[in-house]
Amino acid sequence: MKITATQFWTAAMAAVLSLISLKFLKVFKLIKWSPIGWTAKFQMFATTPAWFKWILLWGLCFALFFLLYTMTLFTSKIPPTVSSLVVTIIALFCIEWMIHIKADLTMTQFIKKVSIPFGCLLAIIIRFVIGTSVYMKKSFG
């Protein structure tokens, strides 16, 4: 399988859009957690500047969107709307679960803590990646 420029730029722009969206959500207090708070779990990132943590987050997002684009090439017969909805729900609950893992929550309490604005932005970005992948697969083989 050949890596195309479209695959690279789709993953890169999805990662940039993700970071801008996360910063927007954090500034306007639409999420109660920090997008770069995951670095606190690793001792080696304790003294690194915030801009470096954002670059690490961009790299992680880029790798995940690149992988998502690649996996979607194999499932191009499934409509992008259906597959993006399923992937969004799974990703949203996995991310929120990792964030709230230390809180002893019931399932109802956990569902109430899920950030709807974050879920909407995640759905838009995942739909962009999956839609581009399916379109490129069907158009150019």
C-alpha atoms as a PDB file:
ATOM      1  CA  MET A   1       0.000   0.000   0.000  1.00  0.00           C
ATOM      2  CA  LYS A   2       1.353   3.374  -1.015  1.00  0.00           C
ATOM      3  CA  ILE A   3       1.184   6.447   1.226  1.00  0.00           C
ATOM      4  CA  THR A   4      -0.274   9.363  -0.703  1.00  0.00           C
ATOM      5  CA  ALA A   5       0.007  13.102  -0.220  1.00  0.00           C
ATOM      6  CA  THR A   6      -3.736  13.227   0.400  1.00  0.00           C
ATOM      7  CA  GLN A   7      -3.388  10.774   3.260  1.00  0.00           C
ATOM      8  CA  PHE A   8      -0.572  12.797   4.823  1.00  0.00           C
ATOM      9  CA  TRP A   9      -2.299  16.182   4.461  1.00  0.00           C
ATOM     10  CA  THR A  10      -5.668  14.869   5.626  1.00  0.00           C
ATOM     11  CA  ALA A  11      -4.109  13.518   8.815  1.00  0.00           C
ATOM     12  CA  ALA A  12      -2.057  16.694   9.315  1.00  0.00           C
ATOM     13  CA  MET A  13      -5.028  19.043   8.868  1.00  0.00           C
ATOM     14  CA  ALA A  14      -7.249  16.870  11.074  1.00  0.00           C
ATOM     15  CA  ALA A  15      -4.580  17.036  13.794  1.00  0.00           C
ATOM     16  CA  VAL A  16      -4.297  20.841  13.457  1.00  0.00           C
ATOM     17  CA  LEU A  17      -8.089  21.188  13.551  1.00  0.00           C
ATOM     18  CA  SER A  18      -8.173  18.968  16.629  1.00  0.00           C
ATOM     19  CA  LEU A  19      -5.660  21.113  18.490  1.00  0.00           C
ATOM     20  CA  ILE A  20      -7.419  24.355  17.583  1.00  0.00           C
ATOM     21  CA  SER A  21     -10.745  22.849  18.648  1.00  0.00           C
ATOM     22  CA  LEU A  22      -9.371  21.550  21.941  1.00  0.00           C
ATOM     23  CA  LYS A  23      -7.803  24.907  22.741  1.00  0.00           C
ATOM     24  CA  PHE A  24     -11.126  26.624  21.904  1.00  0.00           C
ATOM     25  CA  LEU A  25     -13.041  24.243  24.164  1.00  0.00           C
ATOM     26  CA  LYS A  26     -10.557  24.753  27.002  1.00  0.00           C
ATOM     27  CA  VAL A  27     -10.479  28.577  26.722  1.00  0.00           C
ATOM     28  CA  PHE A  28     -14.268  28.837  26.831  1.00  0.00           C
ATOM     29  CA  LYS A  29     -14.511  26.198  29.579  1.00  0.00           C
ATOM     30  CA  LEU A  30     -16.606  23.792  27.504  1.00  0.00           C
ATOM     31  CA  ILE A  31     -14.423  20.951  28.764  1.00  0.00           C
ATOM     32  CA  LYS A  32     -13.364  20.594  32.378  1.00  0.00           C
ATOM     33  CA  TRP A  33     -10.123  18.746  31.614  1.00  0.00           C
ATOM     34  CA  SER A  34      -6.875  19.920  30.080  1.00  0.00           C
ATOM     35  CA  PRO A  35      -5.989  18.619  26.594  1.00  0.00           C
ATOM     36  CA  ILE A  36      -2.331  18.380  27.628  1.00  0.00           C
ATOM     37  CA  GLY A  37      -3.096  17.060  31.118  1.00  0.00           C
ATOM     38  CA  TRP A  38      -2.141  13.539  30.066  1.00  0.00           C
ATOM     39  CA  THR A  39       1.521  14.567  30.196  1.00  0.00           C
ATOM     40  CA  ALA A  40       1.307  14.902  33.984  1.00  0.00           C
ATOM     41  CA  LYS A  41       1.159  11.097  34.247  1.00  0.00           C
ATOM     42  CA  PHE A  42       4.654  10.830  32.765  1.00  0.00           C
ATOM     43  CA  GLN A  43       7.472  12.142  34.965  1.00  0.00           C
ATOM     44  CA  MET A  44       9.695  13.047  32.014  1.00  0.00           C
ATOM     45  CA  PHE A  45       7.213  15.719  30.853  1.00  0.00           C
ATOM     46  CA  ALA A  46       6.909  17.441  34.241  1.00  0.00           C
ATOM     47  CA  THR A  47       9.257  20.301  33.373  1.00  0.00           C
ATOM     48  CA  THR A  48       8.651  20.575  29.628  1.00  0.00           C
ATOM     49  CA  PRO A  49       7.004  23.772  28.335  1.00  0.00           C
ATOM     50  CA  ALA A  50       3.351  23.783  27.319  1.00  0.00           C
ATOM     51  CA  TRP A  51       4.117  24.424  23.631  1.00  0.00           C
ATOM     52  CA  PHE A  52       6.136  21.191  23.503  1.00  0.00           C
ATOM     53  CA  LYS A  53       3.236  19.270  25.062  1.00  0.00           C
ATOM     54  CA  TRP A  54       0.931  20.674  22.360  1.00  0.00           C
ATOM     55  CA  ILE A  55       3.399  19.515  19.684  1.00  0.00           C
ATOM     56  CA  LEU A  56       3.405  16.037  21.236  1.00  0.00           C
ATOM     57  CA  LEU A  57      -0.390  16.059  21.208  1.00  0.00           C
ATOM     58  CA  TRP A  58      -0.335  17.080  17.530  1.00  0.00           C
ATOM     59  CA  GLY A  59       1.989  14.157  16.748  1.00  0.00           C
ATOM     60  CA  LEU A  60      -0.270  11.736  18.591  1.00  0.00           C
ATOM     61  CA  CYS A  61      -3.361  13.065  16.789  1.00  0.00           C
ATOM     62  CA  PHE A  62      -1.553  12.921  13.446  1.00  0.00           C
ATOM     63  CA  ALA A  63      -0.565   9.283  13.994  1.00  0.00           C
ATOM     64  CA  LEU A  64      -4.103   8.305  15.048  1.00  0.00           C
ATOM     65  CA  PHE A  65      -5.758  10.082  12.103  1.00  0.00           C
ATOM     66  CA  PHE A  66      -3.203   8.604   9.701  1.00  0.00           C
ATOM     67  CA  LEU A  67      -4.022   5.152  11.072  1.00  0.00           C
ATOM     68  CA  LEU A  68      -7.768   5.860  10.845  1.00  0.00           C
ATOM     69  CA  TYR A  69      -7.398   6.959   7.200  1.00  0.00           C
ATOM     70  CA  THR A  70      -5.442   3.782   6.413  1.00  0.00           C
ATOM     71  CA  MET A  71      -7.937   1.483   8.140  1.00  0.00           C
ATOM     72  CA  THR A  72     -10.852   3.167   6.387  1.00  0.00           C
ATOM     73  CA  LEU A  73      -9.331   2.320   3.005  1.00  0.00           C
ATOM     74  CA  PHE A  74     -10.132  -1.320   3.764  1.00  0.00           C
ATOM     75  CA  THR A  75     -13.737  -0.601   4.761  1.00  0.00           C
ATOM     76  CA  SER A  76     -14.694   1.769   1.952  1.00  0.00           C
ATOM     77  CA  LYS A  77     -17.890  -0.157   1.156  1.00  0.00           C
ATOM     78  CA  ILE A  78     -19.425   0.955   4.471  1.00  0.00           C
ATOM     79  CA  PRO A  79     -21.060   4.394   4.171  1.00  0.00           C
ATOM     80  CA  PRO A  80     -18.816   7.071   5.739  1.00  0.00           C
ATOM     81  CA  THR A  81     -21.662   8.412   7.862  1.00  0.00           C
ATOM     82  CA  VAL A  82     -22.207   5.062   9.565  1.00  0.00           C
ATOM     83  CA  SER A  83     -18.550   4.256  10.095  1.00  0.00           C
ATOM     84  CA  SER A  84     -17.704   7.754  11.361  1.00  0.00           C
ATOM     85  CA  LEU A  85     -20.604   7.646  13.821  1.00  0.00           C
ATOM     86  CA  VAL A  86     -19.457   4.286  15.198  1.00  0.00           C
ATOM     87  CA  VAL A  87     -15.803   5.359  15.412  1.00  0.00           C
ATOM     88  CA  THR A  88     -16.786   8.658  17.067  1.00  0.00           C
ATOM     89  CA  ILE A  89     -18.866   6.976  19.756  1.00  0.00           C
ATOM     90  CA  ILE A  90     -16.133   4.454  20.510  1.00  0.00           C
ATOM     91  CA  ALA A  91     -13.373   7.108  20.541  1.00  0.00           C
ATOM     92  CA  LEU A  92     -15.429   9.526  22.647  1.00  0.00           C
ATOM     93  CA  PHE A  93     -16.174   6.970  25.336  1.00  0.00           C
ATOM     94  CA  CYS A  94     -12.573   5.695  25.360  1.00  0.00           C
ATOM     95  CA  ILE A  95     -11.112   9.211  25.691  1.00  0.00           C
ATOM     96  CA  GLU A  96     -13.590  10.295  28.357  1.00  0.00           C
ATOM     97  CA  TRP A  97     -13.104   7.017  30.228  1.00  0.00           C
ATOM     98  CA  MET A  98      -9.325   7.583  30.309  1.00  0.00           C
ATOM     99  CA  ILE A  99      -9.906  11.109  31.610  1.00  0.00           C
ATOM    100  CA  HIS A 100     -12.374  10.108  34.345  1.00  0.00           C
ATOM    101  CA  ILE A 101     -10.782   6.744  35.218  1.00  0.00           C
ATOM    102  CA  LYS A 102      -9.849   7.738  38.783  1.00  0.00           C
ATOM    103  CA  ALA A 103     -13.345   8.962  39.611  1.00  0.00           C
ATOM    104  CA  ASP A 104     -15.549   6.234  41.022  1.00  0.00           C
ATOM    105  CA  LEU A 105     -18.553   6.802  38.758  1.00  0.00           C
ATOM    106  CA  THR A 106     -21.600   4.771  37.917  1.00  0.00           C
ATOM    107  CA  MET A 107     -22.472   4.416  34.236  1.00  0.00           C
ATOM    108  CA  THR A 108     -25.178   7.087  34.530  1.00  0.00           C
ATOM    109  CA  GLN A 109     -22.775   9.535  36.187  1.00  0.00           C
ATOM    110  CA  PHE A 110     -20.141   8.786  33.545  1.00  0.00           C
ATOM    111  CA  ILE A 111     -22.565   9.452  30.675  1.00  0.00           C
ATOM    112  CA  LYS A 112     -23.548  12.768  32.280  1.00  0.00           C
ATOM    113  CA  LYS A 113     -19.859  13.787  32.419  1.00  0.00           C
ATOM    114  CA  VAL A 114     -19.267  13.156  28.707  1.00  0.00           C
ATOM    115  CA  SER A 115     -18.630  16.473  26.981  1.00  0.00           C
ATOM    116  CA  ILE A 116     -21.155  17.040  24.187  1.00  0.00           C
ATOM    117  CA  PRO A 117     -19.150  19.870  22.515  1.00  0.00           C
ATOM    118  CA  PHE A 118     -16.061  17.643  22.482  1.00  0.00           C
ATOM    119  CA  GLY A 119     -18.107  14.802  21.002  1.00  0.00           C
ATOM    120  CA  CYS A 120     -19.470  17.055  18.256  1.00  0.00           C
ATOM    121  CA  LEU A 121     -16.029  18.315  17.273  1.00  0.00           C
ATOM    122  CA  LEU A 122     -14.647  14.789  17.365  1.00  0.00           C
ATOM    123  CA  ALA A 123     -17.482  13.647  15.089  1.00  0.00           C
ATOM    124  CA  ILE A 124     -16.773  16.427  12.586  1.00  0.00           C
ATOM    125  CA  ILE A 125     -13.068  15.660  12.449  1.00  0.00           C
ATOM    126  CA  ILE A 126     -13.520  11.896  12.190  1.00  0.00           C
ATOM    127  CA  ARG A 127     -16.152  12.365   9.465  1.00  0.00           C
ATOM    128  CA  PHE A 128     -13.660  14.528   7.565  1.00  0.00           C
ATOM    129  CA  VAL A 129     -10.942  11.852   7.731  1.00  0.00           C
ATOM    130  CA  ILE A 130     -13.220   8.925   6.913  1.00  0.00           C
ATOM    131  CA  GLY A 131     -15.088  10.812   4.184  1.00  0.00           C
ATOM    132  CA  THR A 132     -11.849  11.816   2.483  1.00  0.00           C
ATOM    133  CA  SER A 133     -10.513   8.280   2.698  1.00  0.00           C
ATOM    134  CA  VAL A 134     -13.640   6.720   1.211  1.00  0.00           C
ATOM    135  CA  TYR A 135     -13.866   9.358  -1.526  1.00  0.00           C
ATOM    136  CA  MET A 136     -10.237   8.874  -2.549  1.00  0.00           C
ATOM    137  CA  LYS A 137     -10.597   5.084  -2.536  1.00  0.00           C
ATOM    138  CA  LYS A 138     -13.742   5.141  -4.694  1.00  0.00           C
ATOM    139  CA  SER A 139     -12.459   7.828  -7.059  1.00  0.00           C
ATOM    140  CA  PHE A 140      -8.899   6.714  -7.614  1.00  0.00           C
ATOM    141  CA  GLY A 141      -8.991   3.049  -6.652  1.00  0.00           C
END
